[in-house]
Amino acid sequence: MRMSSVVRIEESTSPLQEYRARAARIPEGDAEAWRELARWATSGALGTMASQAWSKVVEIMPDDPEANRALGRVQLDGKWVTEEESYRARGYVEFEGEWMRPGERQAILDDRRARKEADRQAEAARLQAEEKAKREREAQEAAEHDIWRGSAPPGDPTYWPWGSGIVYWPAIPVQPPGSGMPTTMSVGGPR
């Protein structure tokens, strides 16, 4: 940005600086001035500063409803307490970011435990079924292998360890020489 395009420079204080200046001017024990500053800080989204100012109001006036509510407190038996103190006094327990009765917490834990056990049993059954199927496959493969490895009875002429067995070709018996028959014959007759 060129300086020739700057119209003017204004100096101002930040909201935090203004809060500090206003807080420094509040007289000791002036709850209404702190209340006004707390409302101003709340409207200006200065949450931490607003809490500090509301805390000053509560120091001066411990039973002030507006200040106690702004600090997240609730009434319990006529006293202002934190929300956590209120829940604990009524027998609640905090569990995973929520307040509930101890029985509800126990029911959730029991349900989770039961689901975990059911999942464990289902996984064990699945593994057992897979193991059984594997053993059955191995037994079947072993039985098939034995058939082809010589499990046929000794002397069985149809047994052949390779392929589909011995192939018998049609043949015409050949007569020995000197028998008056030709020594070779073809399927088409004598030559």
N, C-alpha and C. Protein backbone atom coordinates (compact mmCIF):
# COMPACT_ATOMS: atom_id res chain seq x y z
N MET A 1 0.85 -1.17 0.00
CA MET A 1 0.00 0.00 0.00
C MET A 1 0.90 1.24 0.00
N ARG A 2 0.55 2.15 -0.85
CA ARG A 2 1.34 3.38 -0.92
C ARG A 2 0.81 4.37 0.09
N MET A 3 1.69 5.12 0.67
CA MET A 3 1.31 6.10 1.70
C MET A 3 0.40 7.18 1.11
N SER A 4 0.46 7.43 -0.17
CA SER A 4 -0.37 8.48 -0.77
C SER A 4 -1.84 8.08 -0.76
N SER A 5 -2.14 6.77 -0.61
CA SER A 5 -3.54 6.36 -0.58
C SER A 5 -4.10 6.29 0.85
N VAL A 6 -3.27 6.55 1.87
CA VAL A 6 -3.73 6.55 3.26
C VAL A 6 -4.38 7.88 3.55
N VAL A 7 -5.63 7.84 4.00
CA VAL A 7 -6.36 9.07 4.29
C VAL A 7 -5.96 9.61 5.66
N ARG A 8 -5.97 8.72 6.67
CA ARG A 8 -5.55 9.14 8.01
C ARG A 8 -5.20 7.90 8.84
N ILE A 9 -4.49 8.08 9.90
CA ILE A 9 -4.11 7.02 10.82
C ILE A 9 -4.77 7.34 12.15
N GLU A 10 -5.53 6.38 12.64
CA GLU A 10 -6.21 6.58 13.92
C GLU A 10 -5.60 5.64 14.95
N GLU A 11 -5.36 6.14 16.10
CA GLU A 11 -4.87 5.31 17.19
C GLU A 11 -6.04 4.99 18.09
N SER A 12 -6.10 3.72 18.52
CA SER A 12 -7.17 3.33 19.43
C SER A 12 -6.63 2.27 20.39
N THR A 13 -7.42 1.98 21.37
CA THR A 13 -7.03 0.96 22.33
C THR A 13 -7.76 -0.33 22.00
N SER A 14 -7.16 -1.44 22.36
CA SER A 14 -7.80 -2.73 22.12
C SER A 14 -8.88 -2.95 23.17
N PRO A 15 -9.82 -3.87 22.92
CA PRO A 15 -10.84 -4.16 23.92
C PRO A 15 -10.23 -4.63 25.25
N LEU A 16 -9.15 -5.37 25.18
CA LEU A 16 -8.50 -5.82 26.41
C LEU A 16 -7.92 -4.64 27.18
N GLN A 17 -7.28 -3.70 26.46
CA GLN A 17 -6.74 -2.51 27.12
C GLN A 17 -7.86 -1.69 27.75
N GLU A 18 -8.98 -1.58 27.04
CA GLU A 18 -10.12 -0.84 27.58
C GLU A 18 -10.68 -1.51 28.83
N TYR A 19 -10.77 -2.86 28.80
CA TYR A 19 -11.26 -3.59 29.98
C TYR A 19 -10.38 -3.28 31.19
N ARG A 20 -9.08 -3.39 30.99
CA ARG A 20 -8.14 -3.16 32.09
C ARG A 20 -8.25 -1.73 32.62
N ALA A 21 -8.39 -0.77 31.73
CA ALA A 21 -8.52 0.64 32.16
C ALA A 21 -9.80 0.83 32.96
N ARG A 22 -10.91 0.24 32.48
CA ARG A 22 -12.20 0.38 33.19
C ARG A 22 -12.15 -0.33 34.54
N ALA A 23 -11.54 -1.52 34.58
CA ALA A 23 -11.44 -2.27 35.84
C ALA A 23 -10.61 -1.51 36.87
N ALA A 24 -9.57 -0.83 36.41
CA ALA A 24 -8.70 -0.07 37.33
C ALA A 24 -9.44 1.11 37.97
N ARG A 25 -10.48 1.63 37.31
CA ARG A 25 -11.23 2.78 37.82
C ARG A 25 -12.37 2.38 38.76
N ILE A 26 -12.66 1.07 38.93
CA ILE A 26 -13.78 0.63 39.76
C ILE A 26 -13.37 0.72 41.24
N PRO A 27 -14.19 1.43 42.03
CA PRO A 27 -13.87 1.53 43.46
C PRO A 27 -14.04 0.18 44.17
N GLU A 28 -13.31 -0.01 45.23
CA GLU A 28 -13.37 -1.23 46.05
C GLU A 28 -14.80 -1.47 46.52
N GLY A 29 -15.30 -2.70 46.29
CA GLY A 29 -16.62 -3.10 46.79
C GLY A 29 -17.80 -2.64 45.96
N ASP A 30 -17.57 -2.10 44.76
CA ASP A 30 -18.68 -1.63 43.91
C ASP A 30 -19.16 -2.77 43.00
N ALA A 31 -20.08 -3.55 43.50
CA ALA A 31 -20.59 -4.70 42.75
C ALA A 31 -21.28 -4.28 41.46
N GLU A 32 -22.02 -3.16 41.49
CA GLU A 32 -22.74 -2.72 40.29
C GLU A 32 -21.79 -2.30 39.18
N ALA A 33 -20.67 -1.69 39.52
CA ALA A 33 -19.68 -1.31 38.50
C ALA A 33 -19.06 -2.57 37.89
N TRP A 34 -18.79 -3.58 38.70
CA TRP A 34 -18.25 -4.84 38.17
C TRP A 34 -19.30 -5.54 37.29
N ARG A 35 -20.57 -5.47 37.71
CA ARG A 35 -21.64 -6.07 36.92
C ARG A 35 -21.71 -5.40 35.54
N GLU A 36 -21.65 -4.08 35.52
CA GLU A 36 -21.69 -3.34 34.27
C GLU A 36 -20.49 -3.72 33.38
N LEU A 37 -19.30 -3.82 33.98
CA LEU A 37 -18.11 -4.20 33.22
C LEU A 37 -18.24 -5.64 32.71
N ALA A 38 -18.80 -6.53 33.51
CA ALA A 38 -18.99 -7.93 33.09
C ALA A 38 -19.95 -8.00 31.90
N ARG A 39 -21.03 -7.24 31.94
CA ARG A 39 -21.99 -7.23 30.82
C ARG A 39 -21.31 -6.68 29.56
N TRP A 40 -20.52 -5.60 29.72
CA TRP A 40 -19.80 -5.02 28.58
C TRP A 40 -18.83 -6.06 27.99
N ALA A 41 -18.08 -6.74 28.85
CA ALA A 41 -17.11 -7.74 28.39
C ALA A 41 -17.82 -8.91 27.70
N THR A 42 -18.97 -9.32 28.22
CA THR A 42 -19.75 -10.40 27.60
C THR A 42 -20.21 -9.99 26.22
N SER A 43 -20.70 -8.77 26.08
CA SER A 43 -21.19 -8.31 24.78
C SER A 43 -20.05 -8.14 23.78
N GLY A 44 -18.84 -7.92 24.28
CA GLY A 44 -17.68 -7.76 23.40
C GLY A 44 -16.91 -9.05 23.17
N ALA A 45 -17.48 -10.17 23.58
CA ALA A 45 -16.87 -11.49 23.38
C ALA A 45 -15.52 -11.61 24.10
N LEU A 46 -15.42 -11.00 25.25
CA LEU A 46 -14.22 -11.13 26.08
C LEU A 46 -14.56 -12.08 27.22
N GLY A 47 -14.70 -13.35 26.89
CA GLY A 47 -15.18 -14.35 27.85
C GLY A 47 -14.38 -14.44 29.13
N THR A 48 -13.06 -14.46 29.02
CA THR A 48 -12.22 -14.58 30.22
C THR A 48 -12.36 -13.34 31.09
N MET A 49 -12.38 -12.18 30.48
CA MET A 49 -12.51 -10.93 31.23
C MET A 49 -13.91 -10.83 31.87
N ALA A 50 -14.92 -11.31 31.15
CA ALA A 50 -16.28 -11.30 31.70
C ALA A 50 -16.35 -12.19 32.94
N SER A 51 -15.71 -13.36 32.87
CA SER A 51 -15.70 -14.27 34.03
C SER A 51 -15.01 -13.63 35.22
N GLN A 52 -13.91 -12.92 34.96
CA GLN A 52 -13.22 -12.23 36.06
C GLN A 52 -14.12 -11.18 36.71
N ALA A 53 -14.83 -10.43 35.88
CA ALA A 53 -15.71 -9.39 36.41
C ALA A 53 -16.88 -10.01 37.18
N TRP A 54 -17.48 -11.09 36.65
CA TRP A 54 -18.58 -11.76 37.37
C TRP A 54 -18.07 -12.33 38.69
N SER A 55 -16.85 -12.83 38.71
CA SER A 55 -16.27 -13.36 39.95
C SER A 55 -16.12 -12.26 40.99
N LYS A 56 -15.77 -11.04 40.56
CA LYS A 56 -15.68 -9.89 41.48
C LYS A 56 -17.06 -9.58 42.07
N VAL A 57 -18.11 -9.68 41.24
CA VAL A 57 -19.48 -9.45 41.74
C VAL A 57 -19.80 -10.48 42.82
N VAL A 58 -19.48 -11.75 42.58
CA VAL A 58 -19.77 -12.83 43.54
C VAL A 58 -18.95 -12.66 44.82
N GLU A 59 -17.72 -12.15 44.71
CA GLU A 59 -16.93 -11.88 45.93
C GLU A 59 -17.64 -10.86 46.81
N ILE A 60 -18.23 -9.86 46.19
CA ILE A 60 -18.89 -8.80 46.93
C ILE A 60 -20.29 -9.24 47.36
N MET A 61 -21.02 -9.91 46.46
CA MET A 61 -22.40 -10.34 46.72
C MET A 61 -22.52 -11.83 46.39
N PRO A 62 -22.18 -12.74 47.33
CA PRO A 62 -22.14 -14.18 47.05
C PRO A 62 -23.46 -14.78 46.56
N ASP A 63 -24.58 -14.22 46.88
CA ASP A 63 -25.87 -14.79 46.47
C ASP A 63 -26.48 -14.11 45.24
N ASP A 64 -25.71 -13.35 44.51
CA ASP A 64 -26.23 -12.66 43.34
C ASP A 64 -26.58 -13.67 42.24
N PRO A 65 -27.89 -13.77 41.88
CA PRO A 65 -28.30 -14.78 40.89
C PRO A 65 -27.68 -14.56 39.51
N GLU A 66 -27.65 -13.33 39.02
CA GLU A 66 -27.13 -13.06 37.67
C GLU A 66 -25.66 -13.45 37.57
N ALA A 67 -24.86 -13.07 38.53
CA ALA A 67 -23.42 -13.36 38.51
C ALA A 67 -23.18 -14.86 38.64
N ASN A 68 -23.91 -15.51 39.55
CA ASN A 68 -23.72 -16.95 39.73
C ASN A 68 -24.11 -17.72 38.47
N ARG A 69 -25.21 -17.35 37.84
CA ARG A 69 -25.61 -18.03 36.59
C ARG A 69 -24.59 -17.78 35.48
N ALA A 70 -24.08 -16.57 35.41
CA ALA A 70 -23.08 -16.24 34.39
C ALA A 70 -21.82 -17.08 34.57
N LEU A 71 -21.53 -17.47 35.82
CA LEU A 71 -20.36 -18.30 36.10
C LEU A 71 -20.68 -19.79 36.01
N GLY A 72 -21.92 -20.13 35.60
CA GLY A 72 -22.30 -21.53 35.41
C GLY A 72 -22.69 -22.23 36.70
N ARG A 73 -23.06 -21.49 37.69
CA ARG A 73 -23.45 -22.10 38.96
C ARG A 73 -24.95 -22.31 39.01
N VAL A 74 -25.35 -23.25 39.86
CA VAL A 74 -26.77 -23.56 40.05
C VAL A 74 -27.07 -23.56 41.55
N GLN A 75 -28.34 -23.41 41.86
CA GLN A 75 -28.72 -23.45 43.27
C GLN A 75 -29.03 -24.87 43.69
N LEU A 76 -28.50 -25.24 44.85
CA LEU A 76 -28.75 -26.56 45.43
C LEU A 76 -28.96 -26.34 46.92
N ASP A 77 -30.16 -26.65 47.37
CA ASP A 77 -30.51 -26.47 48.78
C ASP A 77 -30.21 -25.05 49.26
N GLY A 78 -30.51 -24.08 48.42
CA GLY A 78 -30.35 -22.67 48.80
C GLY A 78 -28.93 -22.14 48.67
N LYS A 79 -28.01 -22.95 48.19
CA LYS A 79 -26.63 -22.50 48.02
C LYS A 79 -26.27 -22.52 46.54
N TRP A 80 -25.40 -21.59 46.13
CA TRP A 80 -24.90 -21.58 44.77
C TRP A 80 -23.67 -22.48 44.71
N VAL A 81 -23.72 -23.46 43.84
CA VAL A 81 -22.62 -24.41 43.67
C VAL A 81 -22.34 -24.59 42.18
N THR A 82 -21.19 -25.17 41.89
CA THR A 82 -20.89 -25.46 40.48
C THR A 82 -21.82 -26.58 40.01
N GLU A 83 -21.95 -26.71 38.73
CA GLU A 83 -22.80 -27.76 38.17
C GLU A 83 -22.28 -29.14 38.58
N GLU A 84 -20.96 -29.29 38.58
CA GLU A 84 -20.35 -30.56 38.98
C GLU A 84 -20.70 -30.89 40.43
N GLU A 85 -20.57 -29.91 41.30
CA GLU A 85 -20.91 -30.14 42.72
C GLU A 85 -22.38 -30.53 42.87
N SER A 86 -23.24 -29.91 42.08
CA SER A 86 -24.67 -30.21 42.13
C SER A 86 -24.93 -31.66 41.73
N TYR A 87 -24.33 -32.09 40.62
CA TYR A 87 -24.54 -33.47 40.17
C TYR A 87 -24.00 -34.47 41.20
N ARG A 88 -22.81 -34.23 41.69
CA ARG A 88 -22.22 -35.15 42.66
C ARG A 88 -23.07 -35.22 43.93
N ALA A 89 -23.58 -34.09 44.38
CA ALA A 89 -24.41 -34.07 45.60
C ALA A 89 -25.70 -34.86 45.40
N ARG A 90 -26.17 -34.94 44.17
CA ARG A 90 -27.40 -35.68 43.88
C ARG A 90 -27.13 -37.13 43.52
N GLY A 91 -25.87 -37.57 43.64
CA GLY A 91 -25.54 -38.98 43.43
C GLY A 91 -25.18 -39.36 42.00
N TYR A 92 -24.97 -38.39 41.16
CA TYR A 92 -24.59 -38.69 39.77
C TYR A 92 -23.09 -38.91 39.67
N VAL A 93 -22.70 -39.63 38.63
CA VAL A 93 -21.28 -39.81 38.32
C VAL A 93 -21.05 -39.35 36.89
N GLU A 94 -19.85 -38.86 36.64
CA GLU A 94 -19.52 -38.44 35.28
C GLU A 94 -18.91 -39.63 34.56
N PHE A 95 -19.44 -39.91 33.38
CA PHE A 95 -18.97 -41.04 32.59
C PHE A 95 -18.93 -40.62 31.14
N GLU A 96 -17.74 -40.60 30.58
CA GLU A 96 -17.52 -40.24 29.17
C GLU A 96 -18.17 -38.91 28.82
N GLY A 97 -17.98 -37.94 29.69
CA GLY A 97 -18.46 -36.58 29.42
C GLY A 97 -19.93 -36.34 29.74
N GLU A 98 -20.61 -37.32 30.31
CA GLU A 98 -22.03 -37.15 30.64
C GLU A 98 -22.25 -37.50 32.11
N TRP A 99 -23.27 -36.86 32.70
CA TRP A 99 -23.64 -37.16 34.07
C TRP A 99 -24.77 -38.17 34.06
N MET A 100 -24.65 -39.20 34.90
CA MET A 100 -25.68 -40.23 34.95
C MET A 100 -25.65 -40.91 36.31
N ARG A 101 -26.68 -41.69 36.55
CA ARG A 101 -26.75 -42.46 37.80
C ARG A 101 -25.73 -43.60 37.73
N PRO A 102 -25.20 -44.03 38.88
CA PRO A 102 -24.23 -45.13 38.86
C PRO A 102 -24.78 -46.40 38.22
N GLY A 103 -26.07 -46.68 38.40
CA GLY A 103 -26.67 -47.87 37.79
C GLY A 103 -26.66 -47.79 36.27
N GLU A 104 -26.90 -46.60 35.72
CA GLU A 104 -26.86 -46.43 34.27
C GLU A 104 -25.45 -46.68 33.73
N ARG A 105 -24.46 -46.15 34.45
CA ARG A 105 -23.07 -46.36 34.06
C ARG A 105 -22.74 -47.86 34.08
N GLN A 106 -23.18 -48.55 35.14
CA GLN A 106 -22.90 -49.98 35.26
C GLN A 106 -23.59 -50.76 34.14
N ALA A 107 -24.81 -50.36 33.79
CA ALA A 107 -25.55 -51.04 32.71
C ALA A 107 -24.81 -50.88 31.38
N ILE A 108 -24.26 -49.70 31.13
CA ILE A 108 -23.50 -49.48 29.89
C ILE A 108 -22.26 -50.37 29.88
N LEU A 109 -21.55 -50.42 31.01
CA LEU A 109 -20.35 -51.24 31.08
C LEU A 109 -20.67 -52.73 30.93
N ASP A 110 -21.77 -53.17 31.56
CA ASP A 110 -22.18 -54.58 31.44
C ASP A 110 -22.54 -54.92 30.00
N ASP A 111 -23.26 -54.01 29.35
CA ASP A 111 -23.65 -54.23 27.96
C ASP A 111 -22.41 -54.34 27.06
N ARG A 112 -21.45 -53.47 27.28
CA ARG A 112 -20.22 -53.52 26.48
C ARG A 112 -19.47 -54.82 26.72
N ARG A 113 -19.41 -55.23 27.98
CA ARG A 113 -18.73 -56.48 28.32
C ARG A 113 -19.42 -57.66 27.64
N ALA A 114 -20.76 -57.68 27.67
CA ALA A 114 -21.52 -58.78 27.05
C ALA A 114 -21.30 -58.80 25.54
N ARG A 115 -21.31 -57.62 24.91
CA ARG A 115 -21.08 -57.57 23.46
C ARG A 115 -19.67 -58.03 23.12
N LYS A 116 -18.72 -57.64 23.94
CA LYS A 116 -17.33 -58.05 23.69
C LYS A 116 -17.20 -59.57 23.81
N GLU A 117 -17.86 -60.16 24.82
CA GLU A 117 -17.80 -61.61 25.00
C GLU A 117 -18.50 -62.33 23.83
N ALA A 118 -19.64 -61.79 23.39
CA ALA A 118 -20.35 -62.40 22.25
C ALA A 118 -19.48 -62.33 20.99
N ASP A 119 -18.81 -61.21 20.79
CA ASP A 119 -17.91 -61.08 19.64
C ASP A 119 -16.76 -62.07 19.74
N ARG A 120 -16.22 -62.24 20.95
CA ARG A 120 -15.12 -63.18 21.16
C ARG A 120 -15.57 -64.60 20.85
N GLN A 121 -16.77 -64.97 21.32
CA GLN A 121 -17.29 -66.32 21.07
C GLN A 121 -17.56 -66.54 19.58
N ALA A 122 -18.11 -65.54 18.92
CA ALA A 122 -18.37 -65.66 17.48
C ALA A 122 -17.06 -65.84 16.72
N GLU A 123 -16.04 -65.10 17.11
CA GLU A 123 -14.73 -65.23 16.45
C GLU A 123 -14.14 -66.61 16.69
N ALA A 124 -14.26 -67.12 17.92
CA ALA A 124 -13.74 -68.45 18.24
C ALA A 124 -14.48 -69.51 17.42
N ALA A 125 -15.80 -69.38 17.28
CA ALA A 125 -16.58 -70.34 16.49
C ALA A 125 -16.17 -70.28 15.02
N ARG A 126 -15.94 -69.08 14.52
CA ARG A 126 -15.53 -68.92 13.12
C ARG A 126 -14.17 -69.58 12.89
N LEU A 127 -13.24 -69.35 13.81
CA LEU A 127 -11.91 -69.96 13.67
C LEU A 127 -11.99 -71.48 13.75
N GLN A 128 -12.84 -71.99 14.65
CA GLN A 128 -13.01 -73.43 14.80
C GLN A 128 -13.60 -74.04 13.51
N ALA A 129 -14.59 -73.37 12.92
CA ALA A 129 -15.20 -73.86 11.68
C ALA A 129 -14.17 -73.85 10.54
N GLU A 130 -13.35 -72.81 10.48
CA GLU A 130 -12.32 -72.75 9.44
C GLU A 130 -11.31 -73.88 9.62
N GLU A 131 -10.93 -74.14 10.87
CA GLU A 131 -9.97 -75.22 11.14
C GLU A 131 -10.56 -76.58 10.76
N LYS A 132 -11.84 -76.79 11.06
CA LYS A 132 -12.49 -78.06 10.72
C LYS A 132 -12.54 -78.23 9.20
N ALA A 133 -12.91 -77.17 8.49
CA ALA A 133 -12.98 -77.22 7.03
C ALA A 133 -11.59 -77.50 6.44
N LYS A 134 -10.56 -76.91 7.03
CA LYS A 134 -9.19 -77.13 6.56
C LYS A 134 -8.80 -78.60 6.74
N ARG A 135 -9.12 -79.17 7.92
CA ARG A 135 -8.78 -80.59 8.17
C ARG A 135 -9.53 -81.49 7.19
N GLU A 136 -10.80 -81.18 6.91
CA GLU A 136 -11.59 -81.99 5.96
C GLU A 136 -10.99 -81.91 4.56
N ARG A 137 -10.57 -80.71 4.15
CA ARG A 137 -9.93 -80.55 2.83
C ARG A 137 -8.64 -81.35 2.75
N GLU A 138 -7.84 -81.26 3.81
CA GLU A 138 -6.57 -82.00 3.83
C GLU A 138 -6.82 -83.51 3.78
N ALA A 139 -7.84 -84.01 4.49
CA ALA A 139 -8.15 -85.44 4.47
C ALA A 139 -8.61 -85.85 3.08
N GLN A 140 -9.42 -85.04 2.44
CA GLN A 140 -9.90 -85.34 1.09
C GLN A 140 -8.75 -85.38 0.10
N GLU A 141 -7.85 -84.38 0.23
CA GLU A 141 -6.70 -84.34 -0.67
C GLU A 141 -5.79 -85.55 -0.44
N ALA A 142 -5.60 -85.95 0.81
CA ALA A 142 -4.77 -87.11 1.11
C ALA A 142 -5.40 -88.38 0.53
N ALA A 143 -6.72 -88.50 0.65
CA ALA A 143 -7.41 -89.69 0.10
C ALA A 143 -7.26 -89.73 -1.42
N GLU A 144 -7.43 -88.60 -2.08
CA GLU A 144 -7.27 -88.55 -3.53
C GLU A 144 -5.83 -88.87 -3.93
N HIS A 145 -4.89 -88.39 -3.17
CA HIS A 145 -3.49 -88.63 -3.47
C HIS A 145 -3.15 -90.11 -3.30
N ASP A 146 -3.70 -90.75 -2.29
CA ASP A 146 -3.45 -92.18 -2.05
C ASP A 146 -3.96 -93.03 -3.21
N ILE A 147 -5.07 -92.63 -3.80
CA ILE A 147 -5.62 -93.39 -4.92
C ILE A 147 -4.61 -93.44 -6.05
N TRP A 148 -3.95 -92.33 -6.30
CA TRP A 148 -3.02 -92.25 -7.43
C TRP A 148 -1.60 -92.67 -7.06
N ARG A 149 -1.32 -92.92 -5.79
CA ARG A 149 0.04 -93.26 -5.37
C ARG A 149 0.26 -94.73 -5.12
N GLY A 150 -0.55 -95.56 -5.52
CA GLY A 150 -0.28 -96.97 -5.31
C GLY A 150 -1.11 -97.58 -4.23
N SER A 151 -2.24 -97.08 -4.01
CA SER A 151 -3.09 -97.69 -3.00
C SER A 151 -3.91 -98.83 -3.60
N ALA A 152 -3.74 -99.06 -4.92
CA ALA A 152 -4.44 -100.18 -5.56
C ALA A 152 -3.82 -101.49 -5.06
N PRO A 153 -4.58 -102.55 -5.03
CA PRO A 153 -4.04 -103.83 -4.55
C PRO A 153 -2.90 -104.32 -5.43
N PRO A 154 -1.93 -104.99 -4.86
CA PRO A 154 -0.79 -105.49 -5.64
C PRO A 154 -1.28 -106.43 -6.74
N GLY A 155 -0.67 -106.33 -7.92
CA GLY A 155 -1.01 -107.20 -9.04
C GLY A 155 -2.22 -106.75 -9.82
N ASP A 156 -2.80 -105.61 -9.49
CA ASP A 156 -3.97 -105.11 -10.23
C ASP A 156 -3.48 -104.65 -11.58
N PRO A 157 -3.89 -105.31 -12.69
CA PRO A 157 -3.37 -104.96 -14.02
C PRO A 157 -3.89 -103.62 -14.52
N THR A 158 -4.93 -103.09 -13.92
CA THR A 158 -5.46 -101.81 -14.39
C THR A 158 -4.79 -100.63 -13.71
N TYR A 159 -3.99 -100.90 -12.68
CA TYR A 159 -3.32 -99.81 -11.97
C TYR A 159 -2.15 -99.30 -12.78
N TRP A 160 -2.06 -98.04 -12.92
CA TRP A 160 -0.93 -97.40 -13.57
C TRP A 160 -0.68 -96.11 -12.82
N PRO A 161 0.54 -95.89 -12.32
CA PRO A 161 0.78 -94.74 -11.46
C PRO A 161 0.78 -93.39 -12.17
N TRP A 162 0.81 -93.35 -13.50
CA TRP A 162 0.82 -92.08 -14.22
C TRP A 162 -0.38 -92.01 -15.12
N GLY A 163 -0.96 -90.86 -15.23
CA GLY A 163 -2.06 -90.68 -16.17
C GLY A 163 -3.28 -91.49 -15.82
N SER A 164 -3.97 -91.94 -16.86
CA SER A 164 -5.23 -92.65 -16.63
C SER A 164 -5.08 -94.16 -16.66
N GLY A 165 -3.88 -94.67 -16.69
CA GLY A 165 -3.67 -96.11 -16.65
C GLY A 165 -3.09 -96.64 -17.95
N ILE A 166 -2.88 -97.94 -18.05
CA ILE A 166 -2.30 -98.58 -19.22
C ILE A 166 -3.32 -98.54 -20.35
N VAL A 167 -2.82 -98.19 -21.52
CA VAL A 167 -3.70 -98.16 -22.68
C VAL A 167 -3.40 -99.42 -23.49
N TYR A 168 -4.40 -100.25 -23.73
CA TYR A 168 -4.26 -101.47 -24.52
C TYR A 168 -4.68 -101.16 -25.94
N TRP A 169 -3.74 -101.31 -26.88
CA TRP A 169 -4.05 -101.07 -28.27
C TRP A 169 -4.53 -102.39 -28.88
N PRO A 170 -5.45 -102.35 -29.78
CA PRO A 170 -5.84 -103.60 -30.44
C PRO A 170 -4.66 -104.13 -31.24
N ALA A 171 -4.37 -105.33 -31.05
CA ALA A 171 -3.25 -105.93 -31.77
C ALA A 171 -3.64 -107.32 -32.27
N ILE A 172 -3.01 -107.72 -33.38
CA ILE A 172 -3.24 -109.06 -33.93
C ILE A 172 -2.03 -109.88 -33.53
N PRO A 173 -2.26 -111.03 -32.98
CA PRO A 173 -1.11 -111.81 -32.52
C PRO A 173 -0.16 -112.12 -33.67
N VAL A 174 1.10 -112.07 -33.37
CA VAL A 174 2.15 -112.35 -34.35
C VAL A 174 2.62 -113.78 -34.11
N GLN A 175 2.69 -114.59 -35.22
CA GLN A 175 3.14 -115.99 -35.10
C GLN A 175 4.65 -116.05 -35.20
N PRO A 176 5.27 -116.95 -34.48
CA PRO A 176 6.73 -117.07 -34.57
C PRO A 176 7.13 -117.57 -35.95
N PRO A 177 8.36 -117.23 -36.34
CA PRO A 177 8.81 -117.68 -37.64
C PRO A 177 8.84 -119.21 -37.73
N GLY A 178 8.58 -119.75 -38.88
CA GLY A 178 8.58 -121.20 -39.10
C GLY A 178 7.23 -121.82 -38.84
N SER A 179 6.26 -121.05 -38.48
CA SER A 179 4.95 -121.63 -38.21
C SER A 179 4.09 -121.59 -39.45
N GLY A 180 4.62 -121.06 -40.52
CA GLY A 180 3.87 -121.02 -41.75
C GLY A 180 3.03 -119.76 -41.87
N MET A 181 3.03 -118.97 -40.89
CA MET A 181 2.26 -117.74 -40.90
C MET A 181 3.23 -116.57 -41.06
N PRO A 182 2.79 -115.52 -41.67
CA PRO A 182 3.68 -114.35 -41.76
C PRO A 182 3.99 -113.81 -40.36
N THR A 183 5.16 -113.23 -40.24
CA THR A 183 5.57 -112.74 -38.91
C THR A 183 4.94 -111.42 -38.57
N THR A 184 4.48 -110.69 -39.53
CA THR A 184 3.80 -109.43 -39.23
C THR A 184 2.49 -109.42 -39.93
N MET A 185 1.57 -108.80 -39.34
CA MET A 185 0.27 -108.67 -39.97
C MET A 185 -0.20 -107.25 -39.76
N SER A 186 -0.95 -106.81 -40.68
CA SER A 186 -1.53 -105.47 -40.50
C SER A 186 -3.02 -105.65 -40.32
N VAL A 187 -3.61 -104.65 -39.91
CA VAL A 187 -5.04 -104.71 -39.65
C VAL A 187 -5.79 -104.99 -40.93
N GLY A 188 -5.26 -104.58 -42.07
CA GLY A 188 -5.93 -104.77 -43.34
C GLY A 188 -5.77 -106.17 -43.90
N GLY A 189 -5.00 -107.04 -43.28
CA GLY A 189 -4.85 -108.40 -43.78
C GLY A 189 -3.41 -108.71 -44.07
N PRO A 190 -3.09 -109.93 -44.60
CA PRO A 190 -1.71 -110.32 -44.84
C PRO A 190 -1.08 -109.51 -45.95
N ARG A 191 0.25 -109.41 -45.90
CA ARG A 191 0.96 -108.66 -46.93
C ARG A 191 1.68 -109.59 -47.80
